[in-house]
Amino acid sequence: MTITIKKLNASKIPIVRIDNRLEDLKNKPYFQQKLKQANETLQTVGLPKN
């Protein structure tokens, strides 16, 4: 399926390609140190009140 540039620009539907390599990163823990620090801060200070 070949779409010309003019048809692509006139189209109202966005074209998005999902990178399947992102699935490999789904369950890996990132920023563990910052998460630990945030949890400690929330335990001592608590959630902000409105």
PDB file of N, CA and C in Angstrom:
ATOM      1  N   MET A   1       0.844  -1.171   0.000  1.00  0.00           N
ATOM      2  CA  MET A   1       0.000   0.000   0.000  1.00  0.00           C
ATOM      3  C   MET A   1       0.891   1.237   0.000  1.00  0.00           C
ATOM      4  N   THR A   2       0.812   1.982  -1.050  1.00  0.00           N
ATOM      5  CA  THR A   2       1.612   3.184  -1.185  1.00  0.00           C
ATOM      6  C   THR A   2       0.706   4.402  -1.098  1.00  0.00           C
ATOM      7  N   ILE A   3       1.062   5.306  -0.228  1.00  0.00           N
ATOM      8  CA  ILE A   3       0.303   6.540  -0.056  1.00  0.00           C
ATOM      9  C   ILE A   3       1.184   7.697  -0.467  1.00  0.00           C
ATOM     10  N   THR A   4       0.630   8.583  -1.253  1.00  0.00           N
ATOM     11  CA  THR A   4       1.406   9.737  -1.682  1.00  0.00           C
ATOM     12  C   THR A   4       1.498  10.737  -0.538  1.00  0.00           C
ATOM     13  N   ILE A   5       2.447  11.638  -0.641  1.00  0.00           N
ATOM     14  CA  ILE A   5       2.653  12.663   0.388  1.00  0.00           C
ATOM     15  C   ILE A   5       1.428  13.561   0.508  1.00  0.00           C
ATOM     16  N   LYS A   6       0.808  13.915  -0.597  1.00  0.00           N
ATOM     17  CA  LYS A   6      -0.371  14.778  -0.543  1.00  0.00           C
ATOM     18  C   LYS A   6      -1.525  14.108   0.181  1.00  0.00           C
ATOM     19  N   LYS A   7      -1.742  12.830  -0.092  1.00  0.00           N
ATOM     20  CA  LYS A   7      -2.807  12.112   0.610  1.00  0.00           C
ATOM     21  C   LYS A   7      -2.480  11.985   2.094  1.00  0.00           C
ATOM     22  N   LEU A   8      -1.238  11.757   2.391  1.00  0.00           N
ATOM     23  CA  LEU A   8      -0.807  11.631   3.779  1.00  0.00           C
ATOM     24  C   LEU A   8      -1.011  12.935   4.532  1.00  0.00           C
ATOM     25  N   ASN A   9      -0.668  14.047   3.910  1.00  0.00           N
ATOM     26  CA  ASN A   9      -0.836  15.348   4.554  1.00  0.00           C
ATOM     27  C   ASN A   9      -2.309  15.727   4.699  1.00  0.00           C
ATOM     28  N   ALA A  10      -3.151  15.286   3.780  1.00  0.00           N
ATOM     29  CA  ALA A  10      -4.574  15.610   3.837  1.00  0.00           C
ATOM     30  C   ALA A  10      -5.322  14.699   4.804  1.00  0.00           C
ATOM     31  N   SER A  11      -4.736  13.601   5.165  1.00  0.00           N
ATOM     32  CA  SER A  11      -5.388  12.632   6.031  1.00  0.00           C
ATOM     33  C   SER A  11      -5.543  13.194   7.446  1.00  0.00           C
ATOM     34  N   LYS A  12      -6.645  12.856   8.076  1.00  0.00           N
ATOM     35  CA  LYS A  12      -6.914  13.299   9.445  1.00  0.00           C
ATOM     36  C   LYS A  12      -6.486  12.247  10.460  1.00  0.00           C
ATOM     37  N   ILE A  13      -6.037  11.096   9.988  1.00  0.00           N
ATOM     38  CA  ILE A  13      -5.652  10.005  10.865  1.00  0.00           C
ATOM     39  C   ILE A  13      -4.142  10.041  11.071  1.00  0.00           C
ATOM     40  N   PRO A  14      -3.685  10.133  12.317  1.00  0.00           N
ATOM     41  CA  PRO A  14      -2.241  10.139  12.552  1.00  0.00           C
ATOM     42  C   PRO A  14      -1.644   8.752  12.280  1.00  0.00           C
ATOM     43  N   ILE A  15      -0.446   8.737  11.800  1.00  0.00           N
ATOM     44  CA  ILE A  15       0.250   7.489  11.541  1.00  0.00           C
ATOM     45  C   ILE A  15       1.277   7.293  12.640  1.00  0.00           C
ATOM     46  N   VAL A  16       1.110   6.216  13.390  1.00  0.00           N
ATOM     47  CA  VAL A  16       1.981   5.927  14.516  1.00  0.00           C
ATOM     48  C   VAL A  16       2.453   4.488  14.380  1.00  0.00           C
ATOM     49  N   ARG A  17       3.725   4.297  14.523  1.00  0.00           N
ATOM     50  CA  ARG A  17       4.277   2.946  14.504  1.00  0.00           C
ATOM     51  C   ARG A  17       4.830   2.644  15.888  1.00  0.00           C
ATOM     52  N   ILE A  18       4.303   1.602  16.503  1.00  0.00           N
ATOM     53  CA  ILE A  18       4.744   1.188  17.830  1.00  0.00           C
ATOM     54  C   ILE A  18       5.966   0.301  17.676  1.00  0.00           C
ATOM     55  N   ASP A  19       7.010   0.639  18.416  1.00  0.00           N
ATOM     56  CA  ASP A  19       8.234  -0.155  18.382  1.00  0.00           C
ATOM     57  C   ASP A  19       8.069  -1.346  19.313  1.00  0.00           C
ATOM     58  N   ASN A  20       8.115  -2.540  18.775  1.00  0.00           N
ATOM     59  CA  ASN A  20       7.897  -3.750  19.576  1.00  0.00           C
ATOM     60  C   ASN A  20       9.015  -4.001  20.579  1.00  0.00           C
ATOM     61  N   ARG A  21      10.149  -3.352  20.424  1.00  0.00           N
ATOM     62  CA  ARG A  21      11.237  -3.517  21.385  1.00  0.00           C
ATOM     63  C   ARG A  21      10.877  -2.944  22.753  1.00  0.00           C
ATOM     64  N   LEU A  22       9.857  -2.104  22.805  1.00  0.00           N
ATOM     65  CA  LEU A  22       9.426  -1.542  24.085  1.00  0.00           C
ATOM     66  C   LEU A  22       8.863  -2.609  25.013  1.00  0.00           C
ATOM     67  N   GLU A  23       8.335  -3.678  24.460  1.00  0.00           N
ATOM     68  CA  GLU A  23       7.801  -4.762  25.277  1.00  0.00           C
ATOM     69  C   GLU A  23       8.894  -5.385  26.151  1.00  0.00           C
ATOM     70  N   ASP A  24      10.135  -5.391  25.668  1.00  0.00           N
ATOM     71  CA  ASP A  24      11.234  -5.939  26.448  1.00  0.00           C
ATOM     72  C   ASP A  24      11.495  -5.124  27.709  1.00  0.00           C
ATOM     73  N   LEU A  25      11.175  -3.858  27.688  1.00  0.00           N
ATOM     74  CA  LEU A  25      11.439  -2.962  28.814  1.00  0.00           C
ATOM     75  C   LEU A  25      10.271  -2.868  29.789  1.00  0.00           C
ATOM     76  N   LYS A  26       9.203  -3.540  29.486  1.00  0.00           N
ATOM     77  CA  LYS A  26       7.958  -3.380  30.231  1.00  0.00           C
ATOM     78  C   LYS A  26       8.095  -3.720  31.713  1.00  0.00           C
ATOM     79  N   ASN A  27       8.733  -4.803  32.050  1.00  0.00           N
ATOM     80  CA  ASN A  27       8.771  -5.251  33.443  1.00  0.00           C
ATOM     81  C   ASN A  27      10.112  -5.029  34.125  1.00  0.00           C
ATOM     82  N   LYS A  28      10.994  -4.270  33.509  1.00  0.00           N
ATOM     83  CA  LYS A  28      12.290  -4.003  34.123  1.00  0.00           C
ATOM     84  C   LYS A  28      12.175  -2.801  35.054  1.00  0.00           C
ATOM     85  N   PRO A  29      12.730  -2.918  36.249  1.00  0.00           N
ATOM     86  CA  PRO A  29      12.652  -1.786  37.184  1.00  0.00           C
ATOM     87  C   PRO A  29      13.666  -0.698  36.822  1.00  0.00           C
ATOM     88  N   TYR A  30      13.189   0.504  36.677  1.00  0.00           N
ATOM     89  CA  TYR A  30      14.050   1.651  36.383  1.00  0.00           C
ATOM     90  C   TYR A  30      13.958   2.648  37.527  1.00  0.00           C
ATOM     91  N   PHE A  31      14.984   3.408  37.711  1.00  0.00           N
ATOM     92  CA  PHE A  31      15.030   4.472  38.719  1.00  0.00           C
ATOM     93  C   PHE A  31      14.721   3.929  40.109  1.00  0.00           C
ATOM     94  N   GLN A  32      15.320   2.794  40.465  1.00  0.00           N
ATOM     95  CA  GLN A  32      15.043   2.191  41.765  1.00  0.00           C
ATOM     96  C   GLN A  32      15.452   3.101  42.910  1.00  0.00           C
ATOM     97  N   GLN A  33      16.578   3.766  42.790  1.00  0.00           N
ATOM     98  CA  GLN A  33      17.056   4.635  43.866  1.00  0.00           C
ATOM     99  C   GLN A  33      16.110   5.814  44.072  1.00  0.00           C
ATOM    100  N   LYS A  34      15.641   6.409  42.981  1.00  0.00           N
ATOM    101  CA  LYS A  34      14.727   7.545  43.111  1.00  0.00           C
ATOM    102  C   LYS A  34      13.377   7.105  43.653  1.00  0.00           C
ATOM    103  N   LEU A  35      12.919   5.919  43.256  1.00  0.00           N
ATOM    104  CA  LEU A  35      11.660   5.406  43.764  1.00  0.00           C
ATOM    105  C   LEU A  35      11.749   5.131  45.257  1.00  0.00           C
ATOM    106  N   LYS A  36      12.861   4.577  45.682  1.00  0.00           N
ATOM    107  CA  LYS A  36      13.076   4.310  47.104  1.00  0.00           C
ATOM    108  C   LYS A  36      13.087   5.617  47.897  1.00  0.00           C
ATOM    109  N   GLN A  37      13.773   6.628  47.361  1.00  0.00           N
ATOM    110  CA  GLN A  37      13.850   7.922  48.035  1.00  0.00           C
ATOM    111  C   GLN A  37      12.472   8.580  48.098  1.00  0.00           C
ATOM    112  N   ALA A  38      11.698   8.483  47.027  1.00  0.00           N
ATOM    113  CA  ALA A  38      10.359   9.074  47.021  1.00  0.00           C
ATOM    114  C   ALA A  38       9.451   8.385  48.030  1.00  0.00           C
ATOM    115  N   ASN A  39       9.540   7.075  48.110  1.00  0.00           N
ATOM    116  CA  ASN A  39       8.716   6.345  49.083  1.00  0.00           C
ATOM    117  C   ASN A  39       9.096   6.690  50.512  1.00  0.00           C
ATOM    118  N   GLU A  40      10.385   6.842  50.780  1.00  0.00           N
ATOM    119  CA  GLU A  40      10.824   7.236  52.121  1.00  0.00           C
ATOM    120  C   GLU A  40      10.321   8.630  52.471  1.00  0.00           C
ATOM    121  N   THR A  41      10.381   9.533  51.514  1.00  0.00           N
ATOM    122  CA  THR A  41       9.899  10.895  51.747  1.00  0.00           C
ATOM    123  C   THR A  41       8.401  10.901  52.019  1.00  0.00           C
ATOM    124  N   LEU A  42       7.660  10.107  51.249  1.00  0.00           N
ATOM    125  CA  LEU A  42       6.216  10.055  51.467  1.00  0.00           C
ATOM    126  C   LEU A  42       5.874   9.457  52.826  1.00  0.00           C
ATOM    127  N   GLN A  43       6.675   8.516  53.296  1.00  0.00           N
ATOM    128  CA  GLN A  43       6.414   7.932  54.604  1.00  0.00           C
ATOM    129  C   GLN A  43       6.642   8.935  55.725  1.00  0.00           C
ATOM    130  N   THR A  44       7.685   9.761  55.594  1.00  0.00           N
ATOM    131  CA  THR A  44       7.989  10.715  56.660  1.00  0.00           C
ATOM    132  C   THR A  44       7.127  11.966  56.576  1.00  0.00           C
ATOM    133  N   VAL A  45       6.930  12.489  55.381  1.00  0.00           N
ATOM    134  CA  VAL A  45       6.207  13.757  55.230  1.00  0.00           C
ATOM    135  C   VAL A  45       4.729  13.508  55.002  1.00  0.00           C
ATOM    136  N   GLY A  46       4.405  12.538  54.200  1.00  0.00           N
ATOM    137  CA  GLY A  46       3.013  12.270  53.854  1.00  0.00           C
ATOM    138  C   GLY A  46       2.617  12.987  52.577  1.00  0.00           C
ATOM    139  N   LEU A  47       1.424  12.707  52.140  1.00  0.00           N
ATOM    140  CA  LEU A  47       0.915  13.333  50.912  1.00  0.00           C
ATOM    141  C   LEU A  47       0.519  14.783  51.184  1.00  0.00           C
ATOM    142  N   PRO A  48       0.693  15.657  50.220  1.00  0.00           N
ATOM    143  CA  PRO A  48       0.276  17.048  50.429  1.00  0.00           C
ATOM    144  C   PRO A  48      -1.252  17.164  50.514  1.00  0.00           C
ATOM    145  N   LYS A  49      -1.697  18.083  51.321  1.00  0.00           N
ATOM    146  CA  LYS A  49      -3.145  18.302  51.477  1.00  0.00           C
ATOM    147  C   LYS A  49      -3.538  19.495  50.631  1.00  0.00           C
ATOM    148  N   ASN A  50      -4.735  19.412  50.092  1.00  0.00           N
ATOM    149  CA  ASN A  50      -5.232  20.515  49.227  1.00  0.00           C
ATOM    150  C   ASN A  50      -5.616  21.714  50.009  1.00  0.00           C
TER     151      ASN A  50
END
